[in-house]
Amino acid sequence: MTTPPALTPTPSAPETTAPPRRRLLGMMAGLPLALLAPGRAFGAPTPAATEGPFYPSPDMRLKDTDNDLVKIEGAVREAGGEVIFLTGRVLSRSGQPLEGARVEIWQCDVNRRYLHRGDHGAARDGGFQGFGHDITGADGSYRFRTIMPVPYPGRTPHIHVKVLAFE
């Protein structure tokens, strides 16, 4: 089970015309959220779901698959878009932190392109990693540096999240 991820824009990130609360609600709509039960320290287990479109298989991924999707190792420039931090915790069904869980995220770049050979259209942002992973710490926490999700044709702005953990 994961706690709801937190999206935190960097202090120097430019503001958009949408009110911050509306932007946050729009971003969170596409993320896997756990429903918190009143009086409990943890939420309900996140339901199983398909990986979603454009999950990049290992042969499609860049060599750099760390938790910073904005900077590719060896690249001169960083990705376009508003930089944010995505954080959260992975907990067991009993509410205990799960250390060593692998959390993966993938999303389209500022040009609305996924790191996937099945996605066609505009040129990909060569500074955006598109896929990354982090391993949870002793408190079950993970952290990603990425970009604010942008609308993908026919979809609300979102970030795909996959958690690989064993209890």
N, C-alpha and C. Protein backbone atom coordinates (compact mmCIF):
# COMPACT_ATOMS: atom_id res chain seq x y z
N MET A 1 0.85 -1.16 0.00
CA MET A 1 0.00 0.00 0.00
C MET A 1 0.89 1.22 0.00
N THR A 2 0.49 2.23 -0.66
CA THR A 2 1.25 3.47 -0.66
C THR A 2 0.39 4.57 -0.07
N THR A 3 1.07 5.50 0.57
CA THR A 3 0.34 6.68 1.03
C THR A 3 0.23 7.61 -0.15
N PRO A 4 -0.71 8.54 -0.14
CA PRO A 4 -0.84 9.43 -1.28
C PRO A 4 0.46 10.17 -1.54
N PRO A 5 0.93 10.17 -2.80
CA PRO A 5 2.15 10.90 -3.12
C PRO A 5 1.95 12.39 -2.92
N ALA A 6 3.03 13.07 -2.62
CA ALA A 6 2.99 14.52 -2.47
C ALA A 6 3.74 15.13 -3.62
N LEU A 7 3.17 16.15 -4.23
CA LEU A 7 3.81 16.86 -5.32
C LEU A 7 4.21 18.22 -4.80
N THR A 8 5.51 18.53 -4.87
CA THR A 8 6.00 19.79 -4.36
C THR A 8 6.77 20.52 -5.44
N PRO A 9 6.25 21.63 -5.96
CA PRO A 9 7.01 22.39 -6.94
C PRO A 9 8.26 22.98 -6.30
N THR A 10 9.32 23.13 -7.08
CA THR A 10 10.51 23.78 -6.57
C THR A 10 10.20 25.25 -6.36
N PRO A 11 10.90 25.91 -5.41
CA PRO A 11 10.60 27.32 -5.11
C PRO A 11 10.74 28.24 -6.32
N SER A 12 11.64 27.93 -7.26
CA SER A 12 11.86 28.82 -8.39
C SER A 12 10.96 28.49 -9.58
N ALA A 13 10.06 27.53 -9.42
CA ALA A 13 9.20 27.12 -10.53
C ALA A 13 8.22 28.24 -10.89
N PRO A 14 8.03 28.47 -12.19
CA PRO A 14 7.09 29.53 -12.59
C PRO A 14 5.65 29.12 -12.31
N GLU A 15 4.83 30.09 -12.01
CA GLU A 15 3.41 29.83 -11.75
C GLU A 15 2.66 29.76 -13.08
N THR A 16 1.60 28.95 -13.12
CA THR A 16 0.73 28.93 -14.28
C THR A 16 -0.52 29.71 -13.94
N THR A 17 -1.42 29.82 -14.90
CA THR A 17 -2.62 30.62 -14.67
C THR A 17 -3.65 29.91 -13.80
N ALA A 18 -3.59 28.58 -13.68
CA ALA A 18 -4.56 27.85 -12.86
C ALA A 18 -4.25 28.09 -11.38
N PRO A 19 -5.28 28.22 -10.53
CA PRO A 19 -5.03 28.37 -9.10
C PRO A 19 -4.29 27.15 -8.57
N PRO A 20 -3.36 27.32 -7.60
CA PRO A 20 -2.56 26.20 -7.09
C PRO A 20 -3.41 25.02 -6.63
N ARG A 21 -4.52 25.28 -5.94
CA ARG A 21 -5.35 24.18 -5.44
C ARG A 21 -5.94 23.37 -6.59
N ARG A 22 -6.42 24.04 -7.62
CA ARG A 22 -7.00 23.34 -8.76
C ARG A 22 -5.92 22.54 -9.50
N ARG A 23 -4.73 23.11 -9.66
CA ARG A 23 -3.63 22.39 -10.31
C ARG A 23 -3.28 21.15 -9.51
N LEU A 24 -3.19 21.26 -8.18
CA LEU A 24 -2.85 20.11 -7.34
C LEU A 24 -3.91 19.03 -7.47
N LEU A 25 -5.18 19.40 -7.44
CA LEU A 25 -6.25 18.41 -7.59
C LEU A 25 -6.19 17.73 -8.94
N GLY A 26 -5.91 18.49 -9.99
CA GLY A 26 -5.80 17.91 -11.32
C GLY A 26 -4.65 16.92 -11.42
N MET A 27 -3.52 17.25 -10.80
CA MET A 27 -2.37 16.35 -10.83
C MET A 27 -2.66 15.07 -10.07
N MET A 28 -3.27 15.21 -8.92
CA MET A 28 -3.49 14.06 -8.06
C MET A 28 -4.53 13.11 -8.63
N ALA A 29 -5.38 13.58 -9.55
CA ALA A 29 -6.42 12.73 -10.11
C ALA A 29 -5.85 11.52 -10.83
N GLY A 30 -4.66 11.65 -11.41
CA GLY A 30 -4.08 10.54 -12.16
C GLY A 30 -3.14 9.68 -11.35
N LEU A 31 -2.93 10.00 -10.10
CA LEU A 31 -2.00 9.23 -9.27
C LEU A 31 -2.76 8.19 -8.44
N PRO A 32 -2.13 7.05 -8.16
CA PRO A 32 -2.80 6.04 -7.35
C PRO A 32 -2.86 6.50 -5.90
N LEU A 33 -4.05 6.80 -5.46
CA LEU A 33 -4.21 7.32 -4.10
C LEU A 33 -4.85 6.27 -3.20
N ALA A 34 -4.39 6.20 -1.97
CA ALA A 34 -5.02 5.35 -0.98
C ALA A 34 -6.07 6.17 -0.25
N LEU A 35 -7.17 5.56 0.08
CA LEU A 35 -8.21 6.26 0.84
C LEU A 35 -7.91 6.10 2.32
N LEU A 36 -7.72 7.21 2.99
CA LEU A 36 -7.38 7.16 4.40
C LEU A 36 -8.63 6.93 5.23
N ALA A 37 -8.55 5.96 6.12
CA ALA A 37 -9.66 5.66 7.01
C ALA A 37 -9.54 6.53 8.26
N PRO A 38 -10.65 7.11 8.75
CA PRO A 38 -10.58 7.95 9.94
C PRO A 38 -10.03 7.18 11.13
N GLY A 39 -9.15 7.84 11.89
CA GLY A 39 -8.64 7.24 13.10
C GLY A 39 -7.57 6.17 12.87
N ARG A 40 -7.12 6.00 11.66
CA ARG A 40 -6.10 5.00 11.38
C ARG A 40 -4.84 5.71 10.90
N ALA A 41 -3.69 5.09 11.15
CA ALA A 41 -2.42 5.69 10.77
C ALA A 41 -2.04 5.35 9.33
N PHE A 42 -2.82 4.54 8.68
CA PHE A 42 -2.48 4.16 7.31
C PHE A 42 -3.76 3.99 6.51
N GLY A 43 -3.64 3.97 5.20
CA GLY A 43 -4.80 3.88 4.33
C GLY A 43 -5.11 2.45 3.92
N ALA A 44 -6.11 2.32 3.11
CA ALA A 44 -6.50 1.02 2.57
C ALA A 44 -5.47 0.61 1.52
N PRO A 45 -5.28 -0.68 1.33
CA PRO A 45 -4.32 -1.13 0.30
C PRO A 45 -4.69 -0.54 -1.07
N THR A 46 -3.67 -0.15 -1.80
CA THR A 46 -3.89 0.35 -3.16
C THR A 46 -4.34 -0.81 -4.03
N PRO A 47 -5.44 -0.69 -4.74
CA PRO A 47 -5.90 -1.82 -5.56
C PRO A 47 -4.95 -2.11 -6.71
N ALA A 48 -4.89 -3.37 -7.11
CA ALA A 48 -4.08 -3.77 -8.25
C ALA A 48 -4.64 -3.13 -9.51
N ALA A 49 -3.77 -2.81 -10.45
CA ALA A 49 -4.19 -2.21 -11.71
C ALA A 49 -3.20 -2.59 -12.80
N THR A 50 -3.60 -2.43 -14.04
CA THR A 50 -2.67 -2.68 -15.13
C THR A 50 -1.60 -1.60 -15.15
N GLU A 51 -0.51 -1.87 -15.82
CA GLU A 51 0.60 -0.93 -15.85
C GLU A 51 0.27 0.35 -16.60
N GLY A 52 -0.76 0.35 -17.38
CA GLY A 52 -1.10 1.55 -18.12
C GLY A 52 -0.35 1.59 -19.43
N PRO A 53 -0.68 2.56 -20.24
CA PRO A 53 -0.04 2.63 -21.55
C PRO A 53 1.41 3.07 -21.47
N PHE A 54 2.17 2.63 -22.40
CA PHE A 54 3.53 3.10 -22.63
C PHE A 54 4.50 2.82 -21.48
N TYR A 55 4.31 1.72 -20.75
CA TYR A 55 5.30 1.30 -19.75
C TYR A 55 6.55 0.88 -20.54
N PRO A 56 7.68 1.56 -20.32
CA PRO A 56 8.86 1.25 -21.13
C PRO A 56 9.54 -0.04 -20.66
N SER A 57 9.62 -1.02 -21.55
CA SER A 57 10.32 -2.26 -21.21
C SER A 57 11.80 -1.96 -21.04
N PRO A 58 12.54 -2.83 -20.37
CA PRO A 58 13.96 -2.54 -20.11
C PRO A 58 14.77 -2.17 -21.35
N ASP A 59 14.46 -2.76 -22.51
CA ASP A 59 15.23 -2.43 -23.71
C ASP A 59 14.91 -1.03 -24.26
N MET A 60 13.83 -0.40 -23.81
CA MET A 60 13.48 0.95 -24.26
C MET A 60 14.06 2.02 -23.34
N ARG A 61 14.42 1.67 -22.13
CA ARG A 61 14.85 2.66 -21.13
C ARG A 61 16.25 3.18 -21.43
N LEU A 62 16.50 4.39 -20.95
CA LEU A 62 17.84 4.95 -21.01
C LEU A 62 18.70 4.25 -19.98
N LYS A 63 20.01 4.37 -20.10
CA LYS A 63 20.92 3.77 -19.10
C LYS A 63 20.70 4.42 -17.73
N ASP A 64 20.39 5.69 -17.73
CA ASP A 64 20.14 6.44 -16.49
C ASP A 64 18.68 6.24 -16.10
N THR A 65 18.42 5.43 -15.07
CA THR A 65 17.04 5.19 -14.61
C THR A 65 16.90 5.50 -13.13
N ASP A 66 17.61 6.53 -12.66
CA ASP A 66 17.55 6.88 -11.25
C ASP A 66 16.25 7.63 -10.93
N ASN A 67 16.21 8.29 -9.78
CA ASN A 67 15.00 8.99 -9.36
C ASN A 67 14.97 10.46 -9.76
N ASP A 68 15.90 10.90 -10.59
CA ASP A 68 15.90 12.27 -11.10
C ASP A 68 15.63 12.20 -12.60
N LEU A 69 14.36 12.43 -12.98
CA LEU A 69 13.97 12.34 -14.39
C LEU A 69 14.26 13.61 -15.17
N VAL A 70 14.67 14.67 -14.47
CA VAL A 70 14.90 15.96 -15.10
C VAL A 70 16.31 16.09 -15.66
N LYS A 71 17.25 15.33 -15.16
CA LYS A 71 18.65 15.40 -15.59
C LYS A 71 19.13 14.01 -15.97
N ILE A 72 19.50 13.85 -17.24
CA ILE A 72 20.05 12.58 -17.72
C ILE A 72 21.56 12.64 -17.58
N GLU A 73 22.12 11.59 -17.00
CA GLU A 73 23.57 11.53 -16.81
C GLU A 73 24.28 11.74 -18.15
N GLY A 74 25.22 12.70 -18.17
CA GLY A 74 25.99 13.00 -19.37
C GLY A 74 25.33 14.00 -20.30
N ALA A 75 24.08 14.34 -20.08
CA ALA A 75 23.38 15.31 -20.95
C ALA A 75 23.76 16.73 -20.55
N VAL A 76 23.77 17.62 -21.53
CA VAL A 76 24.15 19.01 -21.29
C VAL A 76 23.00 19.79 -20.64
N ARG A 77 21.78 19.54 -21.10
CA ARG A 77 20.65 20.34 -20.60
C ARG A 77 19.67 19.47 -19.81
N GLU A 78 18.91 20.16 -18.97
CA GLU A 78 17.85 19.48 -18.22
C GLU A 78 16.56 19.51 -19.02
N ALA A 79 15.61 18.72 -18.57
CA ALA A 79 14.30 18.62 -19.23
C ALA A 79 13.54 19.94 -19.15
N GLY A 80 12.66 20.14 -20.12
CA GLY A 80 11.76 21.28 -20.10
C GLY A 80 10.60 20.99 -19.15
N GLY A 81 9.88 22.01 -18.78
CA GLY A 81 8.74 21.84 -17.90
C GLY A 81 9.02 22.35 -16.50
N GLU A 82 7.97 22.38 -15.69
CA GLU A 82 8.07 22.84 -14.30
C GLU A 82 8.57 21.70 -13.43
N VAL A 83 9.70 21.88 -12.77
CA VAL A 83 10.29 20.85 -11.93
C VAL A 83 9.52 20.72 -10.61
N ILE A 84 9.22 19.48 -10.25
CA ILE A 84 8.53 19.18 -8.99
C ILE A 84 9.24 18.01 -8.31
N PHE A 85 8.88 17.78 -7.06
CA PHE A 85 9.33 16.60 -6.32
C PHE A 85 8.09 15.77 -5.98
N LEU A 86 8.16 14.48 -6.27
CA LEU A 86 7.09 13.54 -5.96
C LEU A 86 7.61 12.67 -4.83
N THR A 87 6.93 12.69 -3.69
CA THR A 87 7.36 11.92 -2.52
C THR A 87 6.20 11.12 -1.96
N GLY A 88 6.52 10.11 -1.22
CA GLY A 88 5.50 9.29 -0.57
C GLY A 88 6.14 8.20 0.26
N ARG A 89 5.31 7.31 0.77
CA ARG A 89 5.78 6.18 1.57
C ARG A 89 5.07 4.91 1.13
N VAL A 90 5.76 3.80 1.21
CA VAL A 90 5.17 2.50 0.94
C VAL A 90 5.05 1.79 2.29
N LEU A 91 3.81 1.36 2.59
CA LEU A 91 3.54 0.71 3.87
C LEU A 91 2.98 -0.69 3.64
N SER A 92 3.21 -1.56 4.61
CA SER A 92 2.63 -2.91 4.56
C SER A 92 1.14 -2.82 4.84
N ARG A 93 0.44 -3.92 4.69
CA ARG A 93 -1.00 -3.94 4.98
C ARG A 93 -1.29 -3.61 6.44
N SER A 94 -0.31 -3.86 7.31
CA SER A 94 -0.50 -3.54 8.73
C SER A 94 -0.04 -2.13 9.08
N GLY A 95 0.40 -1.37 8.06
CA GLY A 95 0.78 0.02 8.29
C GLY A 95 2.25 0.22 8.62
N GLN A 96 3.07 -0.83 8.52
CA GLN A 96 4.50 -0.71 8.81
C GLN A 96 5.25 -0.27 7.54
N PRO A 97 6.27 0.57 7.69
CA PRO A 97 7.05 0.99 6.52
C PRO A 97 7.72 -0.22 5.85
N LEU A 98 7.73 -0.22 4.53
CA LEU A 98 8.40 -1.27 3.77
C LEU A 98 9.71 -0.73 3.22
N GLU A 99 10.80 -1.16 3.80
CA GLU A 99 12.12 -0.78 3.32
C GLU A 99 12.51 -1.67 2.13
N GLY A 100 13.17 -1.09 1.15
CA GLY A 100 13.67 -1.85 0.02
C GLY A 100 12.66 -2.10 -1.09
N ALA A 101 11.48 -1.48 -1.04
CA ALA A 101 10.52 -1.62 -2.14
C ALA A 101 11.00 -0.79 -3.32
N ARG A 102 10.76 -1.28 -4.51
CA ARG A 102 11.13 -0.54 -5.72
C ARG A 102 9.90 0.23 -6.20
N VAL A 103 10.04 1.54 -6.30
CA VAL A 103 8.96 2.41 -6.80
C VAL A 103 9.41 2.93 -8.16
N GLU A 104 8.59 2.68 -9.18
CA GLU A 104 8.89 3.13 -10.53
C GLU A 104 7.85 4.17 -10.95
N ILE A 105 8.30 5.18 -11.68
CA ILE A 105 7.37 6.13 -12.28
C ILE A 105 7.74 6.30 -13.75
N TRP A 106 6.73 6.63 -14.54
CA TRP A 106 6.95 7.01 -15.93
C TRP A 106 5.85 7.98 -16.32
N GLN A 107 6.19 8.87 -17.22
CA GLN A 107 5.25 9.90 -17.64
C GLN A 107 5.72 10.47 -18.96
N CYS A 108 4.81 11.22 -19.62
CA CYS A 108 5.21 11.87 -20.86
C CYS A 108 6.00 13.14 -20.53
N ASP A 109 6.77 13.58 -21.51
CA ASP A 109 7.59 14.78 -21.33
C ASP A 109 6.75 16.04 -21.60
N VAL A 110 7.39 17.18 -21.58
CA VAL A 110 6.70 18.45 -21.78
C VAL A 110 6.10 18.54 -23.19
N ASN A 111 6.61 17.74 -24.14
CA ASN A 111 6.08 17.69 -25.50
C ASN A 111 4.97 16.64 -25.65
N ARG A 112 4.55 16.05 -24.53
CA ARG A 112 3.48 15.04 -24.48
C ARG A 112 3.88 13.73 -25.16
N ARG A 113 5.16 13.36 -25.03
CA ARG A 113 5.69 12.14 -25.62
C ARG A 113 6.22 11.23 -24.53
N TYR A 114 5.87 9.96 -24.60
CA TYR A 114 6.40 8.94 -23.69
C TYR A 114 7.71 8.39 -24.25
N LEU A 115 8.52 7.83 -23.36
CA LEU A 115 9.72 7.10 -23.73
C LEU A 115 9.29 5.69 -24.11
N HIS A 116 8.71 5.57 -25.30
CA HIS A 116 8.16 4.29 -25.75
C HIS A 116 8.08 4.31 -27.27
N ARG A 117 8.49 3.23 -27.91
CA ARG A 117 8.48 3.22 -29.38
C ARG A 117 7.07 3.21 -29.96
N GLY A 118 6.05 2.95 -29.16
CA GLY A 118 4.67 2.98 -29.63
C GLY A 118 4.04 4.35 -29.62
N ASP A 119 4.73 5.34 -29.03
CA ASP A 119 4.20 6.70 -28.96
C ASP A 119 4.82 7.52 -30.09
N HIS A 120 3.97 8.12 -30.91
CA HIS A 120 4.44 8.88 -32.06
C HIS A 120 3.89 10.30 -32.00
N GLY A 121 4.54 11.19 -32.67
CA GLY A 121 4.07 12.57 -32.72
C GLY A 121 5.24 13.52 -32.68
N ALA A 122 5.15 14.55 -31.85
CA ALA A 122 6.20 15.55 -31.73
C ALA A 122 7.51 14.91 -31.28
N ALA A 123 8.60 15.63 -31.48
CA ALA A 123 9.91 15.14 -31.04
C ALA A 123 9.93 15.03 -29.52
N ARG A 124 10.59 13.99 -29.01
CA ARG A 124 10.75 13.83 -27.56
C ARG A 124 11.68 14.90 -27.02
N ASP A 125 11.49 15.24 -25.75
CA ASP A 125 12.39 16.15 -25.04
C ASP A 125 13.63 15.33 -24.69
N GLY A 126 14.75 15.60 -25.36
CA GLY A 126 15.98 14.85 -25.16
C GLY A 126 16.59 15.00 -23.78
N GLY A 127 16.10 15.94 -22.98
CA GLY A 127 16.61 16.13 -21.63
C GLY A 127 15.78 15.44 -20.56
N PHE A 128 14.70 14.76 -20.98
CA PHE A 128 13.81 14.13 -20.00
C PHE A 128 14.00 12.62 -20.00
N GLN A 129 14.18 12.06 -18.83
CA GLN A 129 14.45 10.63 -18.66
C GLN A 129 13.23 9.77 -18.95
N GLY A 130 12.03 10.23 -18.63
CA GLY A 130 10.80 9.51 -18.97
C GLY A 130 10.42 8.36 -18.07
N PHE A 131 11.40 7.73 -17.44
CA PHE A 131 11.19 6.58 -16.55
C PHE A 131 12.26 6.65 -15.48
N GLY A 132 11.89 6.29 -14.27
CA GLY A 132 12.88 6.25 -13.20
C GLY A 132 12.40 5.37 -12.07
N HIS A 133 13.31 5.09 -11.15
CA HIS A 133 12.93 4.29 -9.99
C HIS A 133 13.68 4.78 -8.76
N ASP A 134 13.13 4.45 -7.60
CA ASP A 134 13.77 4.72 -6.32
C ASP A 134 13.51 3.51 -5.44
N ILE A 135 14.38 3.28 -4.49
CA ILE A 135 14.23 2.20 -3.51
C ILE A 135 13.88 2.84 -2.18
N THR A 136 12.83 2.34 -1.54
CA THR A 136 12.37 2.96 -0.29
C THR A 136 13.39 2.78 0.83
N GLY A 137 13.43 3.80 1.69
CA GLY A 137 14.30 3.78 2.86
C GLY A 137 13.66 3.05 4.03
N ALA A 138 14.31 3.11 5.17
CA ALA A 138 13.84 2.42 6.37
C ALA A 138 12.43 2.86 6.77
N ASP A 139 12.08 4.10 6.48
CA ASP A 139 10.74 4.61 6.82
C ASP A 139 9.74 4.41 5.68
N GLY A 140 10.14 3.66 4.64
CA GLY A 140 9.25 3.40 3.51
C GLY A 140 9.16 4.54 2.51
N SER A 141 9.98 5.57 2.67
CA SER A 141 9.85 6.77 1.83
C SER A 141 10.58 6.63 0.49
N TYR A 142 10.03 7.34 -0.49
CA TYR A 142 10.66 7.46 -1.80
C TYR A 142 10.56 8.91 -2.23
N ARG A 143 11.39 9.29 -3.22
CA ARG A 143 11.42 10.68 -3.69
C ARG A 143 11.86 10.70 -5.14
N PHE A 144 11.16 11.47 -5.95
CA PHE A 144 11.51 11.67 -7.35
C PHE A 144 11.59 13.15 -7.65
N ARG A 145 12.50 13.50 -8.53
CA ARG A 145 12.56 14.85 -9.11
C ARG A 145 12.11 14.66 -10.55
N THR A 146 11.04 15.32 -10.92
CA THR A 146 10.46 15.15 -12.24
C THR A 146 9.82 16.46 -12.68
N ILE A 147 8.92 16.39 -13.64
CA ILE A 147 8.24 17.61 -14.10
C ILE A 147 6.75 17.52 -13.76
N MET A 148 6.13 18.68 -13.67
CA MET A 148 4.69 18.75 -13.48
C MET A 148 4.04 18.01 -14.66
N PRO A 149 3.12 17.09 -14.38
CA PRO A 149 2.48 16.37 -15.49
C PRO A 149 1.75 17.33 -16.42
N VAL A 150 1.80 16.99 -17.70
CA VAL A 150 1.11 17.79 -18.73
C VAL A 150 -0.01 16.94 -19.31
N PRO A 151 -1.03 17.57 -19.89
CA PRO A 151 -2.11 16.78 -20.50
C PRO A 151 -1.58 15.94 -21.66
N TYR A 152 -1.99 14.72 -21.70
CA TYR A 152 -1.68 13.82 -22.80
C TYR A 152 -2.99 13.69 -23.58
N PRO A 153 -2.96 13.62 -24.90
CA PRO A 153 -4.22 13.59 -25.66
C PRO A 153 -5.24 12.59 -25.10
N GLY A 154 -6.39 13.11 -24.70
CA GLY A 154 -7.46 12.28 -24.17
C GLY A 154 -7.32 11.92 -22.70
N ARG A 155 -6.30 12.42 -22.02
CA ARG A 155 -6.08 12.07 -20.62
C ARG A 155 -5.81 13.32 -19.78
N THR A 156 -6.12 13.23 -18.51
CA THR A 156 -5.77 14.29 -17.58
C THR A 156 -4.27 14.21 -17.29
N PRO A 157 -3.63 15.30 -16.88
CA PRO A 157 -2.21 15.22 -16.51
C PRO A 157 -2.01 14.17 -15.42
N HIS A 158 -1.00 13.32 -15.57
CA HIS A 158 -0.80 12.22 -14.63
C HIS A 158 0.62 11.70 -14.66
N ILE A 159 0.96 10.95 -13.62
CA ILE A 159 2.23 10.22 -13.52
C ILE A 159 1.84 8.79 -13.20
N HIS A 160 2.40 7.84 -13.93
CA HIS A 160 2.17 6.42 -13.64
C HIS A 160 3.11 6.00 -12.51
N VAL A 161 2.60 5.21 -11.57
CA VAL A 161 3.40 4.72 -10.45
C VAL A 161 3.23 3.22 -10.34
N LYS A 162 4.34 2.52 -10.20
CA LYS A 162 4.32 1.06 -10.00
C LYS A 162 5.19 0.76 -8.79
N VAL A 163 4.66 -0.05 -7.86
CA VAL A 163 5.40 -0.42 -6.66
C VAL A 163 5.63 -1.92 -6.66
N LEU A 164 6.88 -2.32 -6.49
CA LEU A 164 7.24 -3.73 -6.40
C LEU A 164 7.74 -3.97 -4.98
N ALA A 165 6.91 -4.61 -4.18
CA ALA A 165 7.26 -4.86 -2.77
C ALA A 165 6.68 -6.21 -2.36
N PHE A 166 7.37 -6.84 -1.43
CA PHE A 166 6.92 -8.13 -0.93
C PHE A 166 6.82 -8.05 0.59
N GLU A 167 5.70 -8.53 1.11
CA GLU A 167 5.52 -8.53 2.57
C GLU A 167 5.85 -9.91 3.11
